Amino acid sequence: MWDKKIKIMKELKKIEQNSTWSEEDENRINRLILYFEDKESFTAEDDIVYANWLKSLKERYTWKPSDEQMKALSNAGNSFRPFEEGHKLLWSLYNDLKKLKEK
C-alpha cells in the first residue's frame, strides 16, 4: 500500500511546473523600474522591446495541465478510498485543474 502511495506522490511531483525567472528577466525588470523613474534616458526602441517583453510574460508563465498529467492525477485519486484524507484533496485538485484546462 505504501509503495503505491509513494508512486502516486512521485507522479504528482511530475505535475508541478517550474517557471524559471532568468537573469535576463531580472535585468529587464530592473531596467523597467529605471524606465519609470527616468523615462528620458530610454529610446523608442527600448519602449518596443520592453512592451513586447511585458506582453510575453503572460504566455511564458501560463500553465495548463496536459492530458497525461490529468490522467495521472485521476489515477492517483482513484487509488485512495473515499474516506481517506487524500481522496477528497486529490479530486478537488483534479476538478480545479480541469476547469483551468478548459479555459
N, C-alpha and C. Protein backbone atom coordinates (compact mmCIF):
# COMPACT_ATOMS: atom_id res chain seq x y z
N MET A 1 0.82 -1.19 0.00
CA MET A 1 0.00 0.00 0.00
C MET A 1 0.87 1.26 0.00
N TRP A 2 1.93 1.28 0.84
CA TRP A 2 2.80 2.46 0.90
C TRP A 2 3.56 2.65 -0.40
N ASP A 3 3.97 1.52 -1.01
CA ASP A 3 4.67 1.62 -2.29
C ASP A 3 3.80 2.30 -3.34
N LYS A 4 2.53 1.95 -3.34
CA LYS A 4 1.60 2.54 -4.30
C LYS A 4 1.45 4.05 -4.04
N LYS A 5 1.36 4.43 -2.78
CA LYS A 5 1.22 5.86 -2.44
C LYS A 5 2.50 6.63 -2.76
N ILE A 6 3.63 6.01 -2.56
CA ILE A 6 4.90 6.67 -2.92
C ILE A 6 4.95 6.88 -4.42
N LYS A 7 4.52 5.88 -5.17
CA LYS A 7 4.49 6.00 -6.63
C LYS A 7 3.56 7.14 -7.04
N ILE A 8 2.42 7.25 -6.39
CA ILE A 8 1.46 8.32 -6.68
C ILE A 8 2.08 9.68 -6.39
N MET A 9 2.76 9.78 -5.27
CA MET A 9 3.38 11.06 -4.91
C MET A 9 4.44 11.45 -5.94
N LYS A 10 5.18 10.48 -6.45
CA LYS A 10 6.16 10.76 -7.49
C LYS A 10 5.48 11.26 -8.76
N GLU A 11 4.34 10.68 -9.10
CA GLU A 11 3.58 11.13 -10.27
C GLU A 11 3.10 12.56 -10.07
N LEU A 12 2.65 12.87 -8.86
CA LEU A 12 2.18 14.23 -8.58
C LEU A 12 3.30 15.25 -8.69
N LYS A 13 4.51 14.84 -8.30
CA LYS A 13 5.66 15.74 -8.44
C LYS A 13 5.90 16.11 -9.89
N LYS A 14 5.62 15.15 -10.80
CA LYS A 14 5.80 15.42 -12.23
C LYS A 14 4.84 16.51 -12.71
N ILE A 15 3.71 16.65 -12.03
CA ILE A 15 2.71 17.62 -12.43
C ILE A 15 3.17 19.05 -12.13
N GLU A 16 4.00 19.20 -11.11
CA GLU A 16 4.46 20.53 -10.73
C GLU A 16 5.23 21.17 -11.89
N GLN A 17 5.01 22.46 -12.07
CA GLN A 17 5.72 23.20 -13.11
C GLN A 17 6.79 24.06 -12.46
N ASN A 18 7.86 24.24 -13.17
CA ASN A 18 8.93 25.08 -12.68
C ASN A 18 9.13 26.23 -13.65
N SER A 19 8.47 27.34 -13.37
CA SER A 19 8.64 28.54 -14.19
C SER A 19 9.88 29.27 -13.69
N THR A 20 10.86 29.35 -14.53
CA THR A 20 12.13 29.91 -14.11
C THR A 20 12.21 31.38 -14.48
N TRP A 21 12.61 32.19 -13.53
CA TRP A 21 12.84 33.62 -13.73
C TRP A 21 14.33 33.74 -14.04
N SER A 22 14.64 34.11 -15.26
CA SER A 22 16.04 34.12 -15.70
C SER A 22 16.77 35.40 -15.28
N GLU A 23 18.07 35.36 -15.44
CA GLU A 23 18.89 36.55 -15.17
C GLU A 23 18.49 37.67 -16.13
N GLU A 24 18.18 37.30 -17.38
CA GLU A 24 17.73 38.30 -18.36
C GLU A 24 16.41 38.94 -17.91
N ASP A 25 15.51 38.13 -17.37
CA ASP A 25 14.25 38.67 -16.85
C ASP A 25 14.52 39.64 -15.70
N GLU A 26 15.41 39.27 -14.83
CA GLU A 26 15.76 40.13 -13.70
C GLU A 26 16.33 41.46 -14.19
N ASN A 27 17.21 41.41 -15.19
CA ASN A 27 17.77 42.63 -15.76
C ASN A 27 16.68 43.51 -16.38
N ARG A 28 15.77 42.87 -17.09
CA ARG A 28 14.71 43.64 -17.75
C ARG A 28 13.78 44.29 -16.74
N ILE A 29 13.44 43.59 -15.69
CA ILE A 29 12.55 44.19 -14.70
C ILE A 29 13.23 45.36 -14.01
N ASN A 30 14.52 45.21 -13.75
CA ASN A 30 15.27 46.32 -13.15
C ASN A 30 15.34 47.52 -14.09
N ARG A 31 15.51 47.24 -15.38
CA ARG A 31 15.53 48.33 -16.38
C ARG A 31 14.17 49.00 -16.47
N LEU A 32 13.10 48.22 -16.36
CA LEU A 32 11.77 48.82 -16.39
C LEU A 32 11.52 49.73 -15.19
N ILE A 33 12.02 49.32 -14.06
CA ILE A 33 11.91 50.18 -12.87
C ILE A 33 12.63 51.49 -13.13
N LEU A 34 13.82 51.40 -13.70
CA LEU A 34 14.57 52.63 -14.05
C LEU A 34 13.80 53.46 -15.07
N TYR A 35 13.17 52.77 -16.01
CA TYR A 35 12.39 53.45 -17.05
C TYR A 35 11.31 54.33 -16.43
N PHE A 36 10.61 53.79 -15.48
CA PHE A 36 9.54 54.56 -14.86
C PHE A 36 10.08 55.66 -13.96
N GLU A 37 11.28 55.52 -13.51
CA GLU A 37 11.90 56.56 -12.69
C GLU A 37 12.54 57.65 -13.55
N ASP A 38 13.01 57.29 -14.77
CA ASP A 38 13.71 58.26 -15.63
C ASP A 38 13.48 57.91 -17.10
N LYS A 39 12.30 58.25 -17.61
CA LYS A 39 11.91 57.88 -18.97
C LYS A 39 12.77 58.55 -20.04
N GLU A 40 13.33 59.68 -19.75
CA GLU A 40 14.09 60.42 -20.76
C GLU A 40 15.33 59.68 -21.25
N SER A 41 15.87 58.78 -20.45
CA SER A 41 17.10 58.09 -20.84
C SER A 41 16.84 56.86 -21.72
N PHE A 42 15.59 56.59 -22.07
CA PHE A 42 15.26 55.44 -22.89
C PHE A 42 14.85 55.88 -24.29
N THR A 43 15.10 54.98 -25.25
CA THR A 43 14.77 55.27 -26.65
C THR A 43 13.43 54.65 -27.02
N ALA A 44 12.95 55.01 -28.20
CA ALA A 44 11.70 54.42 -28.71
C ALA A 44 11.88 52.91 -28.90
N GLU A 45 13.09 52.50 -29.28
CA GLU A 45 13.37 51.07 -29.43
C GLU A 45 13.25 50.36 -28.08
N ASP A 46 13.75 50.99 -27.02
CA ASP A 46 13.60 50.42 -25.68
C ASP A 46 12.12 50.23 -25.35
N ASP A 47 11.31 51.22 -25.71
CA ASP A 47 9.87 51.13 -25.44
C ASP A 47 9.28 49.88 -26.07
N ILE A 48 9.64 49.61 -27.30
CA ILE A 48 9.11 48.45 -28.03
C ILE A 48 9.61 47.15 -27.39
N VAL A 49 10.89 47.08 -27.10
CA VAL A 49 11.48 45.87 -26.52
C VAL A 49 10.81 45.52 -25.20
N TYR A 50 10.66 46.51 -24.33
CA TYR A 50 10.10 46.24 -23.01
C TYR A 50 8.59 46.02 -23.06
N ALA A 51 7.90 46.68 -23.96
CA ALA A 51 6.46 46.43 -24.11
C ALA A 51 6.24 45.00 -24.58
N ASN A 52 7.02 44.54 -25.53
CA ASN A 52 6.90 43.17 -26.02
C ASN A 52 7.24 42.15 -24.94
N TRP A 53 8.26 42.46 -24.15
CA TRP A 53 8.64 41.55 -23.06
C TRP A 53 7.51 41.44 -22.05
N LEU A 54 6.90 42.56 -21.69
CA LEU A 54 5.79 42.52 -20.74
C LEU A 54 4.63 41.70 -21.29
N LYS A 55 4.33 41.87 -22.57
CA LYS A 55 3.25 41.11 -23.20
C LYS A 55 3.55 39.61 -23.19
N SER A 56 4.82 39.26 -23.32
CA SER A 56 5.21 37.84 -23.38
C SER A 56 5.11 37.14 -22.03
N LEU A 57 5.10 37.89 -20.94
CA LEU A 57 5.09 37.26 -19.62
C LEU A 57 3.87 36.38 -19.41
N LYS A 58 2.73 36.84 -19.86
CA LYS A 58 1.51 36.05 -19.68
C LYS A 58 1.64 34.70 -20.38
N GLU A 59 2.15 34.70 -21.58
CA GLU A 59 2.31 33.45 -22.32
C GLU A 59 3.35 32.54 -21.69
N ARG A 60 4.42 33.12 -21.20
CA ARG A 60 5.51 32.31 -20.65
C ARG A 60 5.13 31.68 -19.32
N TYR A 61 4.29 32.33 -18.55
CA TYR A 61 4.01 31.85 -17.21
C TYR A 61 2.57 31.37 -17.03
N THR A 62 1.90 31.06 -18.13
CA THR A 62 0.58 30.47 -18.06
C THR A 62 0.74 28.98 -18.33
N TRP A 63 0.31 28.20 -17.39
CA TRP A 63 0.47 26.76 -17.50
C TRP A 63 -0.90 26.10 -17.45
N LYS A 64 -1.06 25.09 -18.23
CA LYS A 64 -2.25 24.24 -18.17
C LYS A 64 -1.78 22.79 -18.15
N PRO A 65 -2.49 21.96 -17.41
CA PRO A 65 -2.06 20.56 -17.31
C PRO A 65 -2.27 19.82 -18.62
N SER A 66 -1.39 18.88 -18.87
CA SER A 66 -1.52 18.04 -20.07
C SER A 66 -2.53 16.92 -19.80
N ASP A 67 -2.96 16.27 -20.86
CA ASP A 67 -3.87 15.13 -20.71
C ASP A 67 -3.22 14.03 -19.86
N GLU A 68 -1.92 13.82 -20.07
CA GLU A 68 -1.20 12.79 -19.30
C GLU A 68 -1.18 13.14 -17.82
N GLN A 69 -0.99 14.42 -17.50
CA GLN A 69 -0.97 14.84 -16.10
C GLN A 69 -2.35 14.67 -15.46
N MET A 70 -3.39 15.00 -16.22
CA MET A 70 -4.75 14.83 -15.70
C MET A 70 -5.05 13.35 -15.45
N LYS A 71 -4.60 12.50 -16.36
CA LYS A 71 -4.82 11.06 -16.20
C LYS A 71 -4.08 10.54 -14.96
N ALA A 72 -2.84 11.00 -14.77
CA ALA A 72 -2.06 10.57 -13.60
C ALA A 72 -2.74 11.01 -12.31
N LEU A 73 -3.27 12.22 -12.31
CA LEU A 73 -3.96 12.72 -11.11
C LEU A 73 -5.25 11.95 -10.86
N SER A 74 -5.97 11.64 -11.93
CA SER A 74 -7.19 10.84 -11.80
C SER A 74 -6.86 9.47 -11.23
N ASN A 75 -5.80 8.85 -11.75
CA ASN A 75 -5.39 7.54 -11.24
C ASN A 75 -4.99 7.63 -9.76
N ALA A 76 -4.32 8.71 -9.42
CA ALA A 76 -3.92 8.90 -8.02
C ALA A 76 -5.16 9.04 -7.14
N GLY A 77 -6.13 9.83 -7.59
CA GLY A 77 -7.36 9.99 -6.81
C GLY A 77 -8.11 8.69 -6.63
N ASN A 78 -8.10 7.85 -7.65
CA ASN A 78 -8.79 6.57 -7.58
C ASN A 78 -8.09 5.57 -6.67
N SER A 79 -6.84 5.81 -6.36
CA SER A 79 -6.10 4.85 -5.54
C SER A 79 -6.42 5.00 -4.05
N PHE A 80 -7.06 6.10 -3.67
CA PHE A 80 -7.45 6.30 -2.28
C PHE A 80 -8.88 5.82 -2.07
N ARG A 81 -9.15 5.35 -0.87
CA ARG A 81 -10.53 5.03 -0.51
C ARG A 81 -11.27 6.35 -0.28
N PRO A 82 -12.57 6.39 -0.58
CA PRO A 82 -13.31 7.66 -0.46
C PRO A 82 -13.22 8.34 0.91
N PHE A 83 -13.01 7.58 1.96
CA PHE A 83 -12.97 8.18 3.29
C PHE A 83 -11.55 8.63 3.69
N GLU A 84 -10.54 8.31 2.90
CA GLU A 84 -9.18 8.73 3.21
C GLU A 84 -9.01 10.21 2.90
N GLU A 85 -8.18 10.87 3.70
CA GLU A 85 -7.97 12.31 3.56
C GLU A 85 -7.51 12.71 2.16
N GLY A 86 -6.59 11.97 1.59
CA GLY A 86 -6.04 12.30 0.28
C GLY A 86 -7.05 12.24 -0.85
N HIS A 87 -8.06 11.40 -0.72
CA HIS A 87 -9.06 11.23 -1.77
C HIS A 87 -9.77 12.53 -2.09
N LYS A 88 -10.30 13.18 -1.10
CA LYS A 88 -11.05 14.42 -1.30
C LYS A 88 -10.14 15.52 -1.84
N LEU A 89 -8.94 15.61 -1.31
CA LEU A 89 -7.99 16.64 -1.75
C LEU A 89 -7.58 16.45 -3.21
N LEU A 90 -7.29 15.23 -3.60
CA LEU A 90 -6.88 14.97 -4.97
C LEU A 90 -8.00 15.24 -5.96
N TRP A 91 -9.22 14.87 -5.60
CA TRP A 91 -10.33 15.12 -6.52
C TRP A 91 -10.66 16.60 -6.61
N SER A 92 -10.47 17.31 -5.52
CA SER A 92 -10.66 18.77 -5.55
C SER A 92 -9.62 19.40 -6.49
N LEU A 93 -8.38 18.96 -6.36
CA LEU A 93 -7.31 19.45 -7.24
C LEU A 93 -7.61 19.09 -8.70
N TYR A 94 -8.03 17.87 -8.92
CA TYR A 94 -8.36 17.41 -10.28
C TYR A 94 -9.43 18.31 -10.90
N ASN A 95 -10.48 18.59 -10.16
CA ASN A 95 -11.58 19.41 -10.68
C ASN A 95 -11.14 20.85 -10.94
N ASP A 96 -10.30 21.39 -10.08
CA ASP A 96 -9.77 22.75 -10.30
C ASP A 96 -8.91 22.80 -11.56
N LEU A 97 -8.05 21.79 -11.73
CA LEU A 97 -7.20 21.74 -12.91
C LEU A 97 -8.01 21.51 -14.19
N LYS A 98 -9.07 20.74 -14.07
CA LYS A 98 -9.94 20.51 -15.23
C LYS A 98 -10.56 21.83 -15.70
N LYS A 99 -11.00 22.66 -14.75
CA LYS A 99 -11.54 23.97 -15.10
C LYS A 99 -10.48 24.84 -15.75
N LEU A 100 -9.27 24.82 -15.22
CA LEU A 100 -8.16 25.58 -15.79
C LEU A 100 -7.87 25.12 -17.21
N LYS A 101 -7.88 23.84 -17.42
CA LYS A 101 -7.59 23.27 -18.74
C LYS A 101 -8.63 23.69 -19.77
N GLU A 102 -9.86 23.86 -19.35
CA GLU A 102 -10.94 24.23 -20.26
C GLU A 102 -10.90 25.69 -20.67
N LYS A 103 -10.21 26.53 -19.91
CA LYS A 103 -10.16 27.97 -20.23
C LYS A 103 -9.34 28.23 -21.47
